[in-house]
PDB file of N, CA and C in Angstrom:
ATOM      1  N   MET A   1     105.563 106.238  75.769  1.00  0.00           N
ATOM      2  CA  MET A   1     106.175 104.846  75.907  1.00  0.00           C
ATOM      3  C   MET A   1     107.675 104.846  75.713  1.00  0.00           C
ATOM      4  N   LYS A   2     108.245 105.748  74.973  1.00  0.00           N
ATOM      5  CA  LYS A   2     109.699 105.810  74.816  1.00  0.00           C
ATOM      6  C   LYS A   2     110.379 106.152  76.172  1.00  0.00           C
ATOM      7  N   ASN A   3     109.773 107.098  76.876  1.00  0.00           N
ATOM      8  CA  ASN A   3     110.355 107.502  78.142  1.00  0.00           C
ATOM      9  C   ASN A   3     110.317 106.423  79.121  1.00  0.00           C
ATOM     10  N   ALA A   4     109.142 105.719  79.222  1.00  0.00           N
ATOM     11  CA  ALA A   4     109.021 104.569  80.171  1.00  0.00           C
ATOM     12  C   ALA A   4     109.986 103.462  79.881  1.00  0.00           C
ATOM     13  N   GLN A   5     110.256 103.197  78.614  1.00  0.00           N
ATOM     14  CA  GLN A   5     111.208 102.120  78.218  1.00  0.00           C
ATOM     15  C   GLN A   5     112.626 102.427  78.636  1.00  0.00           C
ATOM     16  N   HIS A   6     113.007 103.650  78.522  1.00  0.00           N
ATOM     17  CA  HIS A   6     114.359 104.135  78.873  1.00  0.00           C
ATOM     18  C   HIS A   6     114.435 104.192  80.447  1.00  0.00           C
ATOM     19  N   ALA A   7     113.353 104.377  81.178  1.00  0.00           N
ATOM     20  CA  ALA A   7     113.485 104.501  82.593  1.00  0.00           C
ATOM     21  C   ALA A   7     113.583 103.091  83.280  1.00  0.00           C
ATOM     22  N   LEU A   8     113.291 102.037  82.515  1.00  0.00           N
ATOM     23  CA  LEU A   8     113.391 100.718  83.149  1.00  0.00           C
ATOM     24  C   LEU A   8     114.749 100.134  83.252  1.00  0.00           C
ATOM     25  N   PRO A   9     114.961  99.309  84.321  1.00  0.00           N
ATOM     26  CA  PRO A   9     116.249  98.527  84.390  1.00  0.00           C
ATOM     27  C   PRO A   9     116.402  97.608  83.217  1.00  0.00           C
ATOM     28  N   GLU A  10     117.543  97.091  82.993  1.00  0.00           N
ATOM     29  CA  GLU A  10     117.824  96.272  81.858  1.00  0.00           C
ATOM     30  C   GLU A  10     116.942  95.139  81.590  1.00  0.00           C
ATOM     31  N   ARG A  11     116.564  94.380  82.500  1.00  0.00           N
ATOM     32  CA  ARG A  11     115.814  93.136  82.301  1.00  0.00           C
ATOM     33  C   ARG A  11     114.376  93.342  82.067  1.00  0.00           C
ATOM     34  N   PHE A  12     113.890  94.585  82.132  1.00  0.00           N
ATOM     35  CA  PHE A  12     112.429  94.878  82.053  1.00  0.00           C
ATOM     36  C   PHE A  12     112.233  95.601  80.699  1.00  0.00           C
ATOM     37  N   ALA A  13     111.048  95.289  80.206  1.00  0.00           N
ATOM     38  CA  ALA A  13     110.595  95.876  78.849  1.00  0.00           C
ATOM     39  C   ALA A  13     109.032  95.886  78.724  1.00  0.00           C
ATOM     40  N   TRP A  14     108.624  96.938  78.129  1.00  0.00           N
ATOM     41  CA  TRP A  14     107.170  97.037  77.733  1.00  0.00           C
ATOM     42  C   TRP A  14     107.011  96.479  76.360  1.00  0.00           C
ATOM     43  N   HIS A  15     105.942  95.654  76.191  1.00  0.00           N
ATOM     44  CA  HIS A  15     105.613  95.050  74.869  1.00  0.00           C
ATOM     45  C   HIS A  15     104.139  95.470  74.606  1.00  0.00           C
ATOM     46  N   CYS A  16     103.931  95.906  73.347  1.00  0.00           N
ATOM     47  CA  CYS A  16     102.585  96.231  72.801  1.00  0.00           C
ATOM     48  C   CYS A  16     102.058  95.052  72.080  1.00  0.00           C
ATOM     49  N   GLY A  17     100.850  94.641  72.454  1.00  0.00           N
ATOM     50  CA  GLY A  17     100.199  93.521  71.721  1.00  0.00           C
ATOM     51  C   GLY A  17      98.794  93.962  71.365  1.00  0.00           C
ATOM     52  N   PRO A  18      98.148  93.050  70.703  1.00  0.00           N
ATOM     53  CA  PRO A  18      96.746  93.329  70.189  1.00  0.00           C
ATOM     54  C   PRO A  18      95.712  93.718  71.205  1.00  0.00           C
ATOM     55  N   THR A  19      95.943  93.338  72.484  1.00  0.00           N
ATOM     56  CA  THR A  19      95.006  93.645  73.565  1.00  0.00           C
ATOM     57  C   THR A  19      95.479  94.760  74.553  1.00  0.00           C
ATOM     58  N   GLY A  20      96.640  95.254  74.340  1.00  0.00           N
ATOM     59  CA  GLY A  20      97.140  96.302  75.213  1.00  0.00           C
ATOM     60  C   GLY A  20      98.676  96.139  75.410  1.00  0.00           C
ATOM     61  N   TYR A  21      99.142  96.641  76.550  1.00  0.00           N
ATOM     62  CA  TYR A  21     100.562  96.578  76.903  1.00  0.00           C
ATOM     63  C   TYR A  21     100.843  95.703  77.983  1.00  0.00           C
ATOM     64  N   GLU A  22     102.051  95.134  77.934  1.00  0.00           N
ATOM     65  CA  GLU A  22     102.556  94.204  78.984  1.00  0.00           C
ATOM     66  C   GLU A  22     103.908  94.545  79.419  1.00  0.00           C
ATOM     67  N   LEU A  23     104.118  94.616  80.749  1.00  0.00           N
ATOM     68  CA  LEU A  23     105.453  94.801  81.303  1.00  0.00           C
ATOM     69  C   LEU A  23     106.050  93.461  81.600  1.00  0.00           C
ATOM     70  N   HIS A  24     107.247  93.165  81.043  1.00  0.00           N
ATOM     71  CA  HIS A  24     107.892  91.920  81.250  1.00  0.00           C
ATOM     72  C   HIS A  24     109.243  92.076  81.961  1.00  0.00           C
ATOM     73  N   LEU A  25     109.533  91.204  82.800  1.00  0.00           N
ATOM     74  CA  LEU A  25     110.817  91.009  83.421  1.00  0.00           C
ATOM     75  C   LEU A  25     111.378  89.674  82.800  1.00  0.00           C
ATOM     76  N   ASP A  26     112.342  89.791  81.957  1.00  0.00           N
ATOM     77  CA  ASP A  26     112.812  88.773  81.095  1.00  0.00           C
ATOM     78  C   ASP A  26     111.586  88.247  80.323  1.00  0.00           C
ATOM     79  N   ASP A  27     111.082  87.004  80.546  1.00  0.00           N
ATOM     80  CA  ASP A  27     110.073  86.466  79.845  1.00  0.00           C
ATOM     81  C   ASP A  27     108.731  86.306  80.758  1.00  0.00           C
ATOM     82  N   VAL A  28     108.738  86.954  81.864  1.00  0.00           N
ATOM     83  CA  VAL A  28     107.670  86.821  82.788  1.00  0.00           C
ATOM     84  C   VAL A  28     106.802  88.206  82.755  1.00  0.00           C
ATOM     85  N   THR A  29     105.565  88.020  82.588  1.00  0.00           N
ATOM     86  CA  THR A  29     104.658  89.248  82.523  1.00  0.00           C
ATOM     87  C   THR A  29     104.405  89.636  84.027  1.00  0.00           C
ATOM     88  N   ILE A  30     104.729  90.928  84.372  1.00  0.00           N
ATOM     89  CA  ILE A  30     104.515  91.392  85.722  1.00  0.00           C
ATOM     90  C   ILE A  30     103.436  92.364  85.764  1.00  0.00           C
ATOM     91  N   ALA A  31     103.042  92.956  84.628  1.00  0.00           N
ATOM     92  CA  ALA A  31     101.931  94.010  84.670  1.00  0.00           C
ATOM     93  C   ALA A  31     101.282  94.012  83.227  1.00  0.00           C
ATOM     94  N   GLU A  32     100.055  94.380  83.202  1.00  0.00           N
ATOM     95  CA  GLU A  32      99.446  94.560  81.879  1.00  0.00           C
ATOM     96  C   GLU A  32      98.452  95.751  82.003  1.00  0.00           C
ATOM     97  N   VAL A  33      98.271  96.419  80.859  1.00  0.00           N
ATOM     98  CA  VAL A  33      97.334  97.516  80.619  1.00  0.00           C
ATOM     99  C   VAL A  33      96.337  97.090  79.645  1.00  0.00           C
ATOM    100  N   ARG A  34      95.082  97.083  79.965  1.00  0.00           N
ATOM    101  CA  ARG A  34      94.012  96.697  79.020  1.00  0.00           C
ATOM    102  C   ARG A  34      92.902  97.724  78.942  1.00  0.00           C
ATOM    103  N   PRO A  35      92.175  97.753  77.777  1.00  0.00           N
ATOM    104  CA  PRO A  35      90.998  98.673  77.813  1.00  0.00           C
ATOM    105  C   PRO A  35      89.861  98.197  78.779  1.00  0.00           C
ATOM    106  N   LEU A  36      89.253  99.217  79.356  1.00  0.00           N
ATOM    107  CA  LEU A  36      88.132  98.900  80.209  1.00  0.00           C
ATOM    108  C   LEU A  36      87.175 100.028  80.181  1.00  0.00           C
ATOM    109  N   ASP A  37      85.972  99.834  79.616  1.00  0.00           N
ATOM    110  CA  ASP A  37      84.862 100.887  79.457  1.00  0.00           C
ATOM    111  C   ASP A  37      85.546 102.096  78.738  1.00  0.00           C
ATOM    112  N   ALA A  38      85.439 103.241  79.316  1.00  0.00           N
ATOM    113  CA  ALA A  38      86.025 104.443  78.619  1.00  0.00           C
ATOM    114  C   ALA A  38      87.446 104.729  79.055  1.00  0.00           C
ATOM    115  N   GLY A  39      88.082 103.849  79.912  1.00  0.00           N
ATOM    116  CA  GLY A  39      89.421 104.033  80.346  1.00  0.00           C
ATOM    117  C   GLY A  39      90.292 102.835  80.206  1.00  0.00           C
ATOM    118  N   ARG A  40      91.136 102.637  81.077  1.00  0.00           N
ATOM    119  CA  ARG A  40      92.048 101.477  81.053  1.00  0.00           C
ATOM    120  C   ARG A  40      92.144 100.909  82.527  1.00  0.00           C
ATOM    121  N   VAL A  41      92.591  99.637  82.538  1.00  0.00           N
ATOM    122  CA  VAL A  41      92.767  98.921  83.870  1.00  0.00           C
ATOM    123  C   VAL A  41      94.210  98.513  83.848  1.00  0.00           C
ATOM    124  N   LEU A  42      94.925  98.798  84.913  1.00  0.00           N
ATOM    125  CA  LEU A  42      96.314  98.395  85.089  1.00  0.00           C
ATOM    126  C   LEU A  42      96.263  97.201  86.096  1.00  0.00           C
ATOM    127  N   ARG A  43      96.822  96.143  85.696  1.00  0.00           N
ATOM    128  CA  ARG A  43      96.843  94.903  86.553  1.00  0.00           C
ATOM    129  C   ARG A  43      98.338  94.692  86.828  1.00  0.00           C
ATOM    130  N   MET A  44      98.631  94.600  88.160  1.00  0.00           N
ATOM    131  CA  MET A  44      99.896  94.246  88.637  1.00  0.00           C
ATOM    132  C   MET A  44      99.865  92.801  88.994  1.00  0.00           C
ATOM    133  N   LEU A  45     100.642  91.832  88.354  1.00  0.00           N
ATOM    134  CA  LEU A  45     100.415  90.451  88.471  1.00  0.00           C
ATOM    135  C   LEU A  45     101.367  89.765  89.393  1.00  0.00           C
ATOM    136  N   VAL A  46     102.145  90.513  90.126  1.00  0.00           N
ATOM    137  CA  VAL A  46     103.234  89.942  90.982  1.00  0.00           C
ATOM    138  C   VAL A  46     102.702  89.509  92.315  1.00  0.00           C
ATOM    139  N   GLN A  47     103.197  88.301  92.683  1.00  0.00           N
ATOM    140  CA  GLN A  47     102.841  87.813  94.043  1.00  0.00           C
ATOM    141  C   GLN A  47     104.126  87.279  94.726  1.00  0.00           C
ATOM    142  N   ALA A  48     104.701  88.077  95.548  1.00  0.00           N
ATOM    143  CA  ALA A  48     106.018  87.774  96.068  1.00  0.00           C
ATOM    144  C   ALA A  48     106.171  88.464  97.450  1.00  0.00           C
ATOM    145  N   GLY A  49     106.400  87.696  98.489  1.00  0.00           N
ATOM    146  CA  GLY A  49     106.615  88.295  99.754  1.00  0.00           C
ATOM    147  C   GLY A  49     105.358  89.136 100.159  1.00  0.00           C
ATOM    148  N   ASP A  50     105.574  90.344 100.483  1.00  0.00           N
ATOM    149  CA  ASP A  50     104.431  91.210 100.936  1.00  0.00           C
ATOM    150  C   ASP A  50     103.660  91.811  99.812  1.00  0.00           C
ATOM    151  N   ILE A  51     104.041  91.478  98.563  1.00  0.00           N
ATOM    152  CA  ILE A  51     103.330  92.085  97.396  1.00  0.00           C
ATOM    153  C   ILE A  51     102.317  91.124  96.938  1.00  0.00           C
ATOM    154  N   ALA A  52     101.062  91.705  96.763  1.00  0.00           N
ATOM    155  CA  ALA A  52     100.000  90.872  96.194  1.00  0.00           C
ATOM    156  C   ALA A  52      99.495  91.431  94.908  1.00  0.00           C
ATOM    157  N   PRO A  53      98.964  90.657  94.017  1.00  0.00           N
ATOM    158  CA  PRO A  53      98.336  91.260  92.764  1.00  0.00           C
ATOM    159  C   PRO A  53      97.283  92.170  93.089  1.00  0.00           C
ATOM    160  N   PHE A  54      97.236  93.195  92.237  1.00  0.00           N
ATOM    161  CA  PHE A  54      96.112  94.307  92.346  1.00  0.00           C
ATOM    162  C   PHE A  54      95.830  94.850  91.062  1.00  0.00           C
ATOM    163  N   GLU A  55      94.785  95.560  90.981  1.00  0.00           N
ATOM    164  CA  GLU A  55      94.433  96.280  89.708  1.00  0.00           C
ATOM    165  C   GLU A  55      93.815  97.690  90.145  1.00  0.00           C
ATOM    166  N   MET A  56      93.958  98.580  89.153  1.00  0.00           N
ATOM    167  CA  MET A  56      93.429  99.934  89.327  1.00  0.00           C
ATOM    168  C   MET A  56      93.035 100.462  87.899  1.00  0.00           C
ATOM    169  N   THR A  57      92.056 101.368  87.920  1.00  0.00           N
ATOM    170  CA  THR A  57      91.593 101.856  86.718  1.00  0.00           C
ATOM    171  C   THR A  57      92.302 103.239  86.507  1.00  0.00           C
ATOM    172  N   VAL A  58      92.613 103.608  85.321  1.00  0.00           N
ATOM    173  CA  VAL A  58      93.277 104.857  84.944  1.00  0.00           C
ATOM    174  C   VAL A  58      92.716 105.392  83.712  1.00  0.00           C
ATOM    175  N   ARG A  59      92.927 106.645  83.459  1.00  0.00           N
ATOM    176  CA  ARG A  59      92.221 107.302  82.321  1.00  0.00           C
ATOM    177  C   ARG A  59      92.894 106.952  81.003  1.00  0.00           C
ATOM    178  N   CYS A  60      94.250 106.784  80.972  1.00  0.00           N
ATOM    179  CA  CYS A  60      94.862 106.598  79.749  1.00  0.00           C
ATOM    180  C   CYS A  60      96.111 105.587  79.924  1.00  0.00           C
ATOM    181  N   GLU A  61      96.502 105.071  78.791  1.00  0.00           N
ATOM    182  CA  GLU A  61      97.682 104.171  78.761  1.00  0.00           C
ATOM    183  C   GLU A  61      98.931 104.775  79.362  1.00  0.00           C
ATOM    184  N   GLU A  62      99.160 106.026  78.976  1.00  0.00           N
ATOM    185  CA  GLU A  62     100.397 106.786  79.381  1.00  0.00           C
ATOM    186  C   GLU A  62     100.485 106.784  80.919  1.00  0.00           C
ATOM    187  N   ARG A  63      99.431 107.032  81.656  1.00  0.00           N
ATOM    188  CA  ARG A  63      99.426 107.124  83.077  1.00  0.00           C
ATOM    189  C   ARG A  63      99.631 105.777  83.618  1.00  0.00           C
ATOM    190  N   ALA A  64      99.021 104.734  83.146  1.00  0.00           N
ATOM    191  CA  ALA A  64      99.206 103.337  83.576  1.00  0.00           C
ATOM    192  C   ALA A  64     100.607 102.858  83.366  1.00  0.00           C
ATOM    193  N   ILE A  65     101.220 103.142  82.215  1.00  0.00           N
ATOM    194  CA  ILE A  65     102.584 102.721  81.927  1.00  0.00           C
ATOM    195  C   ILE A  65     103.554 103.593  82.823  1.00  0.00           C
ATOM    196  N   GLY A  66     103.349 104.785  82.956  1.00  0.00           N
ATOM    197  CA  GLY A  66     104.169 105.530  83.793  1.00  0.00           C
ATOM    198  C   GLY A  66     104.142 105.090  85.339  1.00  0.00           C
ATOM    199  N   TRP A  67     103.040 104.808  85.809  1.00  0.00           N
ATOM    200  CA  TRP A  67     102.786 104.299  87.150  1.00  0.00           C
ATOM    201  C   TRP A  67     103.479 102.975  87.370  1.00  0.00           C
ATOM    202  N   ALA A  68     103.202 102.026  86.450  1.00  0.00           N
ATOM    203  CA  ALA A  68     103.844 100.664  86.598  1.00  0.00           C
ATOM    204  C   ALA A  68     105.330 100.717  86.422  1.00  0.00           C
ATOM    205  N   THR A  69     105.744 101.608  85.540  1.00  0.00           N
ATOM    206  CA  THR A  69     107.265 101.695  85.398  1.00  0.00           C
ATOM    207  C   THR A  69     107.836 102.182  86.642  1.00  0.00           C
ATOM    208  N   GLN A  70     107.302 103.136  87.314  1.00  0.00           N
ATOM    209  CA  GLN A  70     107.856 103.712  88.569  1.00  0.00           C
ATOM    210  C   GLN A  70     107.842 102.565  89.615  1.00  0.00           C
ATOM    211  N   TRP A  71     106.689 101.908  89.650  1.00  0.00           N
ATOM    212  CA  TRP A  71     106.476 100.807  90.647  1.00  0.00           C
ATOM    213  C   TRP A  71     107.532  99.728  90.484  1.00  0.00           C
ATOM    214  N   ALA A  72     107.752  99.356  89.242  1.00  0.00           N
ATOM    215  CA  ALA A  72     108.777  98.278  88.896  1.00  0.00           C
ATOM    216  C   ALA A  72     110.203  98.715  89.219  1.00  0.00           C
ATOM    217  N   ARG A  73     110.546 100.036  88.829  1.00  0.00           N
ATOM    218  CA  ARG A  73     111.898 100.566  89.150  1.00  0.00           C
ATOM    219  C   ARG A  73     112.190 100.522  90.638  1.00  0.00           C
ATOM    220  N   GLN A  74     111.195 100.849  91.480  1.00  0.00           N
ATOM    221  CA  GLN A  74     111.328 100.920  92.925  1.00  0.00           C
ATOM    222  C   GLN A  74     111.526  99.510  93.554  1.00  0.00           C
ATOM    223  N   ARG A  75     111.042  98.544  92.823  1.00  0.00           N
ATOM    224  CA  ARG A  75     111.122  97.146  93.342  1.00  0.00           C
ATOM    225  C   ARG A  75     111.980  96.272  92.584  1.00  0.00           C
ATOM    226  N   ALA A  76     112.734  96.807  91.602  1.00  0.00           N
ATOM    227  CA  ALA A  76     113.486  96.034  90.582  1.00  0.00           C
ATOM    228  C   ALA A  76     114.363  94.929  91.239  1.00  0.00           C
ATOM    229  N   GLY A  77     115.115  95.250  92.158  1.00  0.00           N
ATOM    230  CA  GLY A  77     116.001  94.179  92.753  1.00  0.00           C
ATOM    231  C   GLY A  77     115.220  93.067  93.382  1.00  0.00           C
ATOM    232  N   MET A  78     114.130  93.366  94.127  1.00  0.00           N
ATOM    233  CA  MET A  78     113.395  92.246  94.737  1.00  0.00           C
ATOM    234  C   MET A  78     112.662  91.457  93.577  1.00  0.00           C
ATOM    235  N   LEU A  79     112.144  92.110  92.487  1.00  0.00           N
ATOM    236  CA  LEU A  79     111.517  91.408  91.442  1.00  0.00           C
ATOM    237  C   LEU A  79     112.465  90.487  90.717  1.00  0.00           C
ATOM    238  N   CYS A  80     113.717  90.997  90.462  1.00  0.00           N
ATOM    239  CA  CYS A  80     114.749  90.171  89.780  1.00  0.00           C
ATOM    240  C   CYS A  80     115.046  88.993  90.621  1.00  0.00           C
ATOM    241  N   ARG A  81     115.312  89.182  91.946  1.00  0.00           N
ATOM    242  CA  ARG A  81     115.627  88.111  92.819  1.00  0.00           C
ATOM    243  C   ARG A  81     114.547  87.037  92.885  1.00  0.00           C
ATOM    244  N   HIS A  82     113.262  87.470  92.929  1.00  0.00           N
ATOM    245  CA  HIS A  82     112.263  86.580  92.947  1.00  0.00           C
ATOM    246  C   HIS A  82     112.157  85.684  91.716  1.00  0.00           C
ATOM    247  N   VAL A  83     112.196  86.311  90.586  1.00  0.00           N
ATOM    248  CA  VAL A  83     112.201  85.572  89.348  1.00  0.00           C
ATOM    249  C   VAL A  83     113.395  84.647  89.251  1.00  0.00           C
ATOM    250  N   ASP A  84     114.584  85.078  89.612  1.00  0.00           N
ATOM    251  CA  ASP A  84     115.705  84.220  89.535  1.00  0.00           C
ATOM    252  C   ASP A  84     115.627  83.028  90.536  1.00  0.00           C
ATOM    253  N   ARG A  85     115.063  83.295  91.684  1.00  0.00           N
ATOM    254  CA  ARG A  85     114.912  82.202  92.750  1.00  0.00           C
ATOM    255  C   ARG A  85     113.893  81.204  92.190  1.00  0.00           C
ATOM    256  N   GLN A  86     112.856  81.626  91.573  1.00  0.00           N
ATOM    257  CA  GLN A  86     111.768  80.712  91.088  1.00  0.00           C
ATOM    258  C   GLN A  86     112.366  79.907  89.972  1.00  0.00           C
ATOM    259  N   ARG A  87     113.140  80.496  89.054  1.00  0.00           N
ATOM    260  CA  ARG A  87     113.829  79.836  87.968  1.00  0.00           C
ATOM    261  C   ARG A  87     114.801  78.690  88.516  1.00  0.00           C
ATOM    262  N   ALA A  88     115.566  79.096  89.603  1.00  0.00           N
ATOM    263  CA  ALA A  88     116.494  78.104  90.186  1.00  0.00           C
ATOM    264  C   ALA A  88     115.699  77.003  90.775  1.00  0.00           C
ATOM    265  N   GLN A  89     114.569  77.236  91.454  1.00  0.00           N
ATOM    266  CA  GLN A  89     113.796  76.159  92.041  1.00  0.00           C
ATOM    267  C   GLN A  89     113.153  75.272  90.958  1.00  0.00           C
ATOM    268  N   ALA A  90     112.683  75.886  89.887  1.00  0.00           N
ATOM    269  CA  ALA A  90     112.070  75.082  88.771  1.00  0.00           C
ATOM    270  C   ALA A  90     113.172  74.196  88.098  1.00  0.00           C
ATOM    271  N   ALA A  91     114.362  74.809  87.943  1.00  0.00           N
ATOM    272  CA  ALA A  91     115.430  73.963  87.340  1.00  0.00           C
ATOM    273  C   ALA A  91     115.855  72.787  88.130  1.00  0.00           C
ATOM    274  N   GLY A  92     115.683  72.841  89.457  1.00  0.00           N
ATOM    275  CA  GLY A  92     116.044  71.718  90.318  1.00  0.00           C
ATOM    276  C   GLY A  92     114.912  70.806  90.612  1.00  0.00           C
ATOM    277  N   SER A  93     113.801  70.965  89.979  1.00  0.00           N
ATOM    278  CA  SER A  93     112.653  70.101  90.197  1.00  0.00           C
ATOM    279  C   SER A  93     112.052  69.777  88.824  1.00  0.00           C
ATOM    280  N   THR A  94     110.934  69.021  88.855  1.00  0.00           N
ATOM    281  CA  THR A  94     110.295  68.699  87.709  1.00  0.00           C
ATOM    282  C   THR A  94     109.145  69.599  87.256  1.00  0.00           C
ATOM    283  N   ARG A  95     108.974  70.664  88.153  1.00  0.00           N
ATOM    284  CA  ARG A  95     107.982  71.699  87.940  1.00  0.00           C
ATOM    285  C   ARG A  95     108.391  72.507  86.699  1.00  0.00           C
ATOM    286  N   PRO A  96     107.366  72.787  85.844  1.00  0.00           N
ATOM    287  CA  PRO A  96     107.676  73.704  84.699  1.00  0.00           C
ATOM    288  C   PRO A  96     107.799  75.174  85.187  1.00  0.00           C
ATOM    289  N   LEU A  97     108.615  75.975  84.471  1.00  0.00           N
ATOM    290  CA  LEU A  97     108.837  77.319  84.815  1.00  0.00           C
ATOM    291  C   LEU A  97     107.550  78.155  84.912  1.00  0.00           C
ATOM    292  N   ASP A  98     106.580  77.835  84.119  1.00  0.00           N
ATOM    293  CA  ASP A  98     105.321  78.722  84.067  1.00  0.00           C
ATOM    294  C   ASP A  98     104.527  78.646  85.371  1.00  0.00           C
ATOM    295  N   VAL A  99     105.039  77.873  86.358  1.00  0.00           N
ATOM    296  CA  VAL A  99     104.390  77.774  87.664  1.00  0.00           C
ATOM    297  C   VAL A  99     104.842  78.930  88.558  1.00  0.00           C
ATOM    298  N   VAL A 100     105.727  79.757  88.089  1.00  0.00           N
ATOM    299  CA  VAL A 100     106.206  80.969  88.837  1.00  0.00           C
ATOM    300  C   VAL A 100     104.997  81.613  89.424  1.00  0.00           C
ATOM    301  N   PRO A 101     104.896  81.893  90.743  1.00  0.00           N
ATOM    302  CA  PRO A 101     103.745  82.350  91.358  1.00  0.00           C
ATOM    303  C   PRO A 101     103.478  83.875  91.014  1.00  0.00           C
ATOM    304  N   PHE A 102     103.253  84.195  89.815  1.00  0.00           N
ATOM    305  CA  PHE A 102     102.710  85.409  89.394  1.00  0.00           C
ATOM    306  C   PHE A 102     101.278  85.125  89.027  1.00  0.00           C
ATOM    307  N   ALA A 103     100.410  86.104  89.406  1.00  0.00           N
ATOM    308  CA  ALA A 103      98.927  85.772  89.164  1.00  0.00           C
ATOM    309  C   ALA A 103      98.662  85.760  87.689  1.00  0.00           C
ATOM    310  N   ALA A 104      97.764  84.886  87.358  1.00  0.00           N
ATOM    311  CA  ALA A 104      97.332  84.760  85.960  1.00  0.00           C
ATOM    312  C   ALA A 104      96.051  85.637  85.832  1.00  0.00           C
ATOM    313  N   THR A 105      95.787  86.076  84.651  1.00  0.00           N
ATOM    314  CA  THR A 105      94.578  86.813  84.318  1.00  0.00           C
ATOM    315  C   THR A 105      93.657  86.085  83.510  1.00  0.00           C
ATOM    316  N   ALA A 106      92.415  86.566  83.535  1.00  0.00           N
ATOM    317  CA  ALA A 106      91.437  85.814  82.675  1.00  0.00           C
ATOM    318  C   ALA A 106      91.467  86.319  81.302  1.00  0.00           C
TER     319      ALA A 106
END
């Protein structure tokens, strides 16, 4: 976890909660790692441009966190622009910020 945290750009951070780990861009959750049977499921929650939400199973949290960290680093500029654009649109309308089109999970 320490290596993944250091590898992330400034606005990104992993948070550990009672149900698993979440990758945040500012205050927006973009990925989560949760227990699933004998392994873990990594859910990428981003829906922006050509990127759609997806999930995959992994053996352990370290692999999921490492994979998601690399994925986010490779797309950091696009992800930051997307969140910033959604915030600007929300600030100029009556829509609440939590309508940012990142997929919600059950």
